[in-house]
C-alpha atoms as a PDB file:
ATOM      1  CA  UNK A   1       0.078   0.195   0.463  1.00  0.00           C
ATOM      2  CA  UNK A   2       2.765   1.925   0.711  1.00  0.00           C
ATOM      3  CA  UNK A   3       4.209   1.861  -2.706  1.00  0.00           C
ATOM      4  CA  UNK A   4       0.355   2.830  -3.701  1.00  0.00           C
ATOM      5  CA  UNK A   5       0.185   6.317  -2.587  1.00  0.00           C
ATOM      6  CA  UNK A   6       4.319   6.893  -3.782  1.00  0.00           C
ATOM      7  CA  UNK A   7       3.607   5.506  -7.312  1.00  0.00           C
ATOM      8  CA  UNK A   8       0.359   8.226  -7.074  1.00  0.00           C
ATOM      9  CA  UNK A   9       2.304  10.805  -5.416  1.00  0.00           C
ATOM     10  CA  UNK A  10       4.688  10.484  -8.523  1.00  0.00           C
ATOM     11  CA  UNK A  11       1.850  10.767 -10.806  1.00  0.00           C
ATOM     12  CA  UNK A  12      -0.437  13.173  -9.720  1.00  0.00           C
ATOM     13  CA  UNK A  13       3.261  15.634  -8.859  1.00  0.00           C
ATOM     14  CA  UNK A  14       1.279  19.119 -10.465  1.00  0.00           C
ATOM     15  CA  UNK A  15       2.592  20.358 -13.627  1.00  0.00           C
ATOM     16  CA  UNK A  16       5.540  22.943 -13.878  1.00  0.00           C
ATOM     17  CA  UNK A  17       5.178  25.542 -17.277  1.00  0.00           C
ATOM     18  CA  UNK A  18       8.485  27.574 -18.258  1.00  0.00           C
ATOM     19  CA  UNK A  19       8.963  29.564 -21.565  1.00  0.00           C
ATOM     20  CA  UNK A  20      12.776  28.871 -23.255  1.00  0.00           C
ATOM     21  CA  UNK A  21      13.212  31.263 -25.598  1.00  0.00           C
ATOM     22  CA  UNK A  22      16.650  30.602 -27.384  1.00  0.00           C
ATOM     23  CA  UNK A  23      18.333  33.269 -30.755  1.00  0.00           C
ATOM     24  CA  UNK A  24      21.102  33.568 -32.874  1.00  0.00           C
ATOM     25  CA  UNK A  25      21.484  36.872 -34.694  1.00  0.00           C
ATOM     26  CA  UNK A  26      24.914  37.616 -36.963  1.00  0.00           C
ATOM     27  CA  UNK A  27      25.500  40.304 -39.050  1.00  0.00           C
ATOM     28  CA  UNK A  28      28.692  41.618 -41.274  1.00  0.00           C
ATOM     29  CA  UNK A  29      29.581  45.073 -42.064  1.00  0.00           C
ATOM     30  CA  UNK A  30      31.065  46.302 -45.222  1.00  0.00           C
ATOM     31  CA  UNK A  31      32.157  50.175 -45.179  1.00  0.00           C
ATOM     32  CA  UNK A  32      34.259  51.818 -46.970  1.00  0.00           C
ATOM     33  CA  UNK A  33      34.949  55.640 -45.954  1.00  0.00           C
ATOM     34  CA  UNK A  34      33.488  58.405 -48.528  1.00  0.00           C
ATOM     35  CA  UNK A  35      35.163  61.545 -49.729  1.00  0.00           C
ATOM     36  CA  UNK A  36      35.039  64.767 -48.551  1.00  0.00           C
ATOM     37  CA  UNK A  37      36.523  68.260 -48.594  1.00  0.00           C
ATOM     38  CA  UNK A  38      35.321  71.243 -46.295  1.00  0.00           C
ATOM     39  CA  UNK A  39      36.281  74.558 -47.391  1.00  0.00           C
ATOM     40  CA  UNK A  40      35.914  77.887 -45.779  1.00  0.00           C
ATOM     41  CA  UNK A  41      36.644  81.217 -47.569  1.00  0.00           C
ATOM     42  CA  UNK A  42      38.765  83.996 -45.629  1.00  0.00           C
ATOM     43  CA  UNK A  43      37.397  87.104 -45.445  1.00  0.00           C
ATOM     44  CA  UNK A  44      38.852  90.858 -46.332  1.00  0.00           C
ATOM     45  CA  UNK A  45      40.160  92.707 -43.765  1.00  0.00           C
ATOM     46  CA  UNK A  46      41.497  95.918 -42.837  1.00  0.00           C
ATOM     47  CA  UNK A  47      43.007  98.001 -39.487  1.00  0.00           C
ATOM     48  CA  UNK A  48      45.176 100.399 -38.539  1.00  0.00           C
ATOM     49  CA  UNK A  49      45.922 101.874 -35.292  1.00  0.00           C
ATOM     50  CA  UNK A  50      47.997 104.295 -33.272  1.00  0.00           C
ATOM     51  CA  UNK A  51      48.951 106.950 -31.435  1.00  0.00           C
ATOM     52  CA  UNK A  52      50.931 110.441 -33.288  1.00  0.00           C
ATOM     53  CA  UNK A  53      49.912 110.020 -36.755  1.00  0.00           C
ATOM     54  CA  UNK A  54      47.206 111.533 -38.408  1.00  0.00           C
ATOM     55  CA  UNK A  55      45.919 109.661 -41.547  1.00  0.00           C
ATOM     56  CA  UNK A  56      44.850 110.871 -44.509  1.00  0.00           C
ATOM     57  CA  UNK A  57      42.569 109.719 -47.287  1.00  0.00           C
ATOM     58  CA  UNK A  58      41.696 110.693 -50.373  1.00  0.00           C
ATOM     59  CA  UNK A  59      42.979 115.028 -50.106  1.00  0.00           C
ATOM     60  CA  UNK A  60      41.289 115.059 -46.170  1.00  0.00           C
ATOM     61  CA  UNK A  61      43.160 114.606 -43.042  1.00  0.00           C
ATOM     62  CA  UNK A  62      41.285 112.243 -40.660  1.00  0.00           C
ATOM     63  CA  UNK A  63      40.167 109.982 -42.532  1.00  0.00           C
ATOM     64  CA  UNK A  64      40.746 106.314 -43.205  1.00  0.00           C
ATOM     65  CA  UNK A  65      40.764 104.702 -46.051  1.00  0.00           C
ATOM     66  CA  UNK A  66      39.835 100.704 -46.044  1.00  0.00           C
ATOM     67  CA  UNK A  67      37.210  98.124 -47.761  1.00  0.00           C
ATOM     68  CA  UNK A  68      35.257  99.357 -51.018  1.00  0.00           C
ATOM     69  CA  UNK A  69      32.260  97.325 -50.893  1.00  0.00           C
ATOM     70  CA  UNK A  70      31.641  99.234 -53.874  1.00  0.00           C
ATOM     71  CA  UNK A  71      34.378  97.625 -56.197  1.00  0.00           C
ATOM     72  CA  UNK A  72      34.123  93.653 -55.682  1.00  0.00           C
ATOM     73  CA  UNK A  73      35.884  91.416 -57.973  1.00  0.00           C
ATOM     74  CA  UNK A  74      35.692  87.992 -58.142  1.00  0.00           C
ATOM     75  CA  UNK A  75      34.184  88.563 -53.889  1.00  0.00           C
ATOM     76  CA  UNK A  76      36.548  90.465 -53.366  1.00  0.00           C
ATOM     77  CA  UNK A  77      36.423  93.914 -52.427  1.00  0.00           C
ATOM     78  CA  UNK A  78      38.825  97.167 -53.134  1.00  0.00           C
ATOM     79  CA  UNK A  79      41.558  98.445 -50.826  1.00  0.00           C
ATOM     80  CA  UNK A  80      40.617 102.305 -50.147  1.00  0.00           C
ATOM     81  CA  UNK A  81      44.612 103.462 -49.346  1.00  0.00           C
ATOM     82  CA  UNK A  82      45.770 104.805 -46.695  1.00  0.00           C
ATOM     83  CA  UNK A  83      48.615 107.420 -46.175  1.00  0.00           C
ATOM     84  CA  UNK A  84      50.039 108.314 -42.724  1.00  0.00           C
ATOM     85  CA  UNK A  85      51.937 111.656 -41.396  1.00  0.00           C
ATOM     86  CA  UNK A  86      53.158 111.545 -37.636  1.00  0.00           C
ATOM     87  CA  UNK A  87      51.268 114.154 -36.045  1.00  0.00           C
ATOM     88  CA  UNK A  88      53.883 116.223 -34.044  1.00  0.00           C
ATOM     89  CA  UNK A  89      57.313 115.851 -35.683  1.00  0.00           C
ATOM     90  CA  UNK A  90      59.756 114.976 -32.826  1.00  0.00           C
ATOM     91  CA  UNK A  91      57.295 113.359 -31.103  1.00  0.00           C
ATOM     92  CA  UNK A  92      56.774 109.668 -30.432  1.00  0.00           C
ATOM     93  CA  UNK A  93      54.911 108.110 -32.976  1.00  0.00           C
ATOM     94  CA  UNK A  94      52.987 104.192 -33.655  1.00  0.00           C
ATOM     95  CA  UNK A  95      51.193 103.105 -36.007  1.00  0.00           C
ATOM     96  CA  UNK A  96      50.427  99.296 -37.267  1.00  0.00           C
ATOM     97  CA  UNK A  97      48.307  99.005 -40.086  1.00  0.00           C
ATOM     98  CA  UNK A  98      46.938  94.783 -41.994  1.00  0.00           C
ATOM     99  CA  UNK A  99      45.393  93.961 -44.724  1.00  0.00           C
ATOM    100  CA  UNK A 100      44.051  90.345 -45.147  1.00  0.00           C
ATOM    101  CA  UNK A 101      42.723  89.893 -49.278  1.00  0.00           C
ATOM    102  CA  UNK A 102      40.392  87.378 -48.857  1.00  0.00           C
ATOM    103  CA  UNK A 103      39.359  84.301 -51.434  1.00  0.00           C
ATOM    104  CA  UNK A 104      38.005  84.925 -54.006  1.00  0.00           C
ATOM    105  CA  UNK A 105      34.447  83.148 -54.649  1.00  0.00           C
ATOM    106  CA  UNK A 106      35.013  79.976 -56.745  1.00  0.00           C
ATOM    107  CA  UNK A 107      33.114  78.290 -58.326  1.00  0.00           C
ATOM    108  CA  UNK A 108      30.344  75.601 -58.726  1.00  0.00           C
ATOM    109  CA  UNK A 109      32.176  72.308 -58.128  1.00  0.00           C
ATOM    110  CA  UNK A 110      30.048  69.878 -60.847  1.00  0.00           C
ATOM    111  CA  UNK A 111      29.966  65.482 -60.028  1.00  0.00           C
ATOM    112  CA  UNK A 112      31.265  63.301 -62.692  1.00  0.00           C
ATOM    113  CA  UNK A 113      30.844  59.161 -62.533  1.00  0.00           C
ATOM    114  CA  UNK A 114      28.863  60.573 -58.770  1.00  0.00           C
ATOM    115  CA  UNK A 115      33.126  62.304 -57.971  1.00  0.00           C
ATOM    116  CA  UNK A 116      33.719  65.856 -57.506  1.00  0.00           C
ATOM    117  CA  UNK A 117      36.446  66.058 -60.087  1.00  0.00           C
ATOM    118  CA  UNK A 118      37.870  69.727 -58.779  1.00  0.00           C
ATOM    119  CA  UNK A 119      37.140  71.027 -54.948  1.00  0.00           C
ATOM    120  CA  UNK A 120      37.444  74.357 -54.029  1.00  0.00           C
ATOM    121  CA  UNK A 121      40.875  75.717 -52.556  1.00  0.00           C
ATOM    122  CA  UNK A 122      40.073  78.298 -49.806  1.00  0.00           C
ATOM    123  CA  UNK A 123      42.104  79.815 -46.807  1.00  0.00           C
ATOM    124  CA  UNK A 124      41.158  76.653 -44.421  1.00  0.00           C
ATOM    125  CA  UNK A 125      40.060  73.918 -46.741  1.00  0.00           C
ATOM    126  CA  UNK A 126      40.375  70.128 -45.718  1.00  0.00           C
ATOM    127  CA  UNK A 127      40.056  67.240 -48.024  1.00  0.00           C
ATOM    128  CA  UNK A 128      39.432  63.479 -47.457  1.00  0.00           C
ATOM    129  CA  UNK A 129      40.712  61.041 -49.605  1.00  0.00           C
ATOM    130  CA  UNK A 130      37.998  58.377 -50.346  1.00  0.00           C
ATOM    131  CA  UNK A 131      38.872  54.701 -49.886  1.00  0.00           C
ATOM    132  CA  UNK A 132      38.729  51.824 -52.407  1.00  0.00           C
ATOM    133  CA  UNK A 133      37.046  48.655 -51.795  1.00  0.00           C
ATOM    134  CA  UNK A 134      39.247  46.468 -53.184  1.00  0.00           C
ATOM    135  CA  UNK A 135      39.500  43.074 -51.952  1.00  0.00           C
ATOM    136  CA  UNK A 136      36.421  44.118 -48.692  1.00  0.00           C
ATOM    137  CA  UNK A 137      34.536  41.483 -47.627  1.00  0.00           C
ATOM    138  CA  UNK A 138      32.528  38.935 -45.395  1.00  0.00           C
ATOM    139  CA  UNK A 139      29.435  36.739 -45.288  1.00  0.00           C
ATOM    140  CA  UNK A 140      27.490  34.778 -42.738  1.00  0.00           C
ATOM    141  CA  UNK A 141      27.193  31.122 -43.409  1.00  0.00           C
ATOM    142  CA  UNK A 142      23.748  29.067 -42.680  1.00  0.00           C
ATOM    143  CA  UNK A 143      25.944  28.022 -38.719  1.00  0.00           C
ATOM    144  CA  UNK A 144      25.713  31.601 -38.353  1.00  0.00           C
ATOM    145  CA  UNK A 145      29.567  31.466 -38.393  1.00  0.00           C
ATOM    146  CA  UNK A 146      31.179  34.768 -40.134  1.00  0.00           C
ATOM    147  CA  UNK A 147      33.534  33.637 -42.612  1.00  0.00           C
ATOM    148  CA  UNK A 148      36.161  35.154 -45.553  1.00  0.00           C
ATOM    149  CA  UNK A 149      36.339  38.756 -43.290  1.00  0.00           C
ATOM    150  CA  UNK A 150      38.992  40.935 -44.917  1.00  0.00           C
ATOM    151  CA  UNK A 151      39.995  44.743 -45.425  1.00  0.00           C
ATOM    152  CA  UNK A 152      40.279  46.078 -48.417  1.00  0.00           C
ATOM    153  CA  UNK A 153      42.285  48.799 -49.620  1.00  0.00           C
ATOM    154  CA  UNK A 154      42.979  52.417 -47.954  1.00  0.00           C
ATOM    155  CA  UNK A 155      39.661  54.358 -46.095  1.00  0.00           C
ATOM    156  CA  UNK A 156      37.651  50.655 -45.057  1.00  0.00           C
ATOM    157  CA  UNK A 157      36.619  48.396 -42.220  1.00  0.00           C
ATOM    158  CA  UNK A 158      34.689  45.369 -41.928  1.00  0.00           C
ATOM    159  CA  UNK A 159      32.912  44.189 -38.902  1.00  0.00           C
ATOM    160  CA  UNK A 160      31.781  41.060 -37.335  1.00  0.00           C
ATOM    161  CA  UNK A 161      28.710  39.923 -34.466  1.00  0.00           C
ATOM    162  CA  UNK A 162      27.457  37.232 -33.792  1.00  0.00           C
ATOM    163  CA  UNK A 163      24.884  38.209 -30.816  1.00  0.00           C
ATOM    164  CA  UNK A 164      22.955  34.570 -28.833  1.00  0.00           C
ATOM    165  CA  UNK A 165      20.682  34.973 -26.539  1.00  0.00           C
ATOM    166  CA  UNK A 166      18.648  32.263 -24.284  1.00  0.00           C
ATOM    167  CA  UNK A 167      15.561  33.828 -21.580  1.00  0.00           C
ATOM    168  CA  UNK A 168      14.476  31.311 -19.400  1.00  0.00           C
ATOM    169  CA  UNK A 169      11.133  32.159 -18.126  1.00  0.00           C
END
């Protein structure tokens, strides 16, 4: 009888439910860097400062020339020349004059075979060559194995990733 009760407990035990989720995700990323150029035109600027100096522009004393925005060629204004004379001869004086000619307006760039063939050269220009795929390769087998990861030429990268997850609820 004791054996029968034991067998009944064995078959009458409550059922247990659990969920099991298993996933495998594989990926390969092949990247070829694009060519890029950033250009910033420098402005035209003029400055003057001094002590014991009389500036003259266009026969007018105490006048300063500068930048003639009424006369612009290729985006660059002309200079208005200032002359200087020592106001009190024999006394000390100082004079500082600075002129920077800005960049001319470049012609527009155009695409040839999906590439910019000529880039503008301005005061500040940063240019990066694009990558070349060369032998860039990578593949995923049916068993999620990543094979054949081969870097290409300069400016390329290849990244492989396998994620395996198990979740038990």
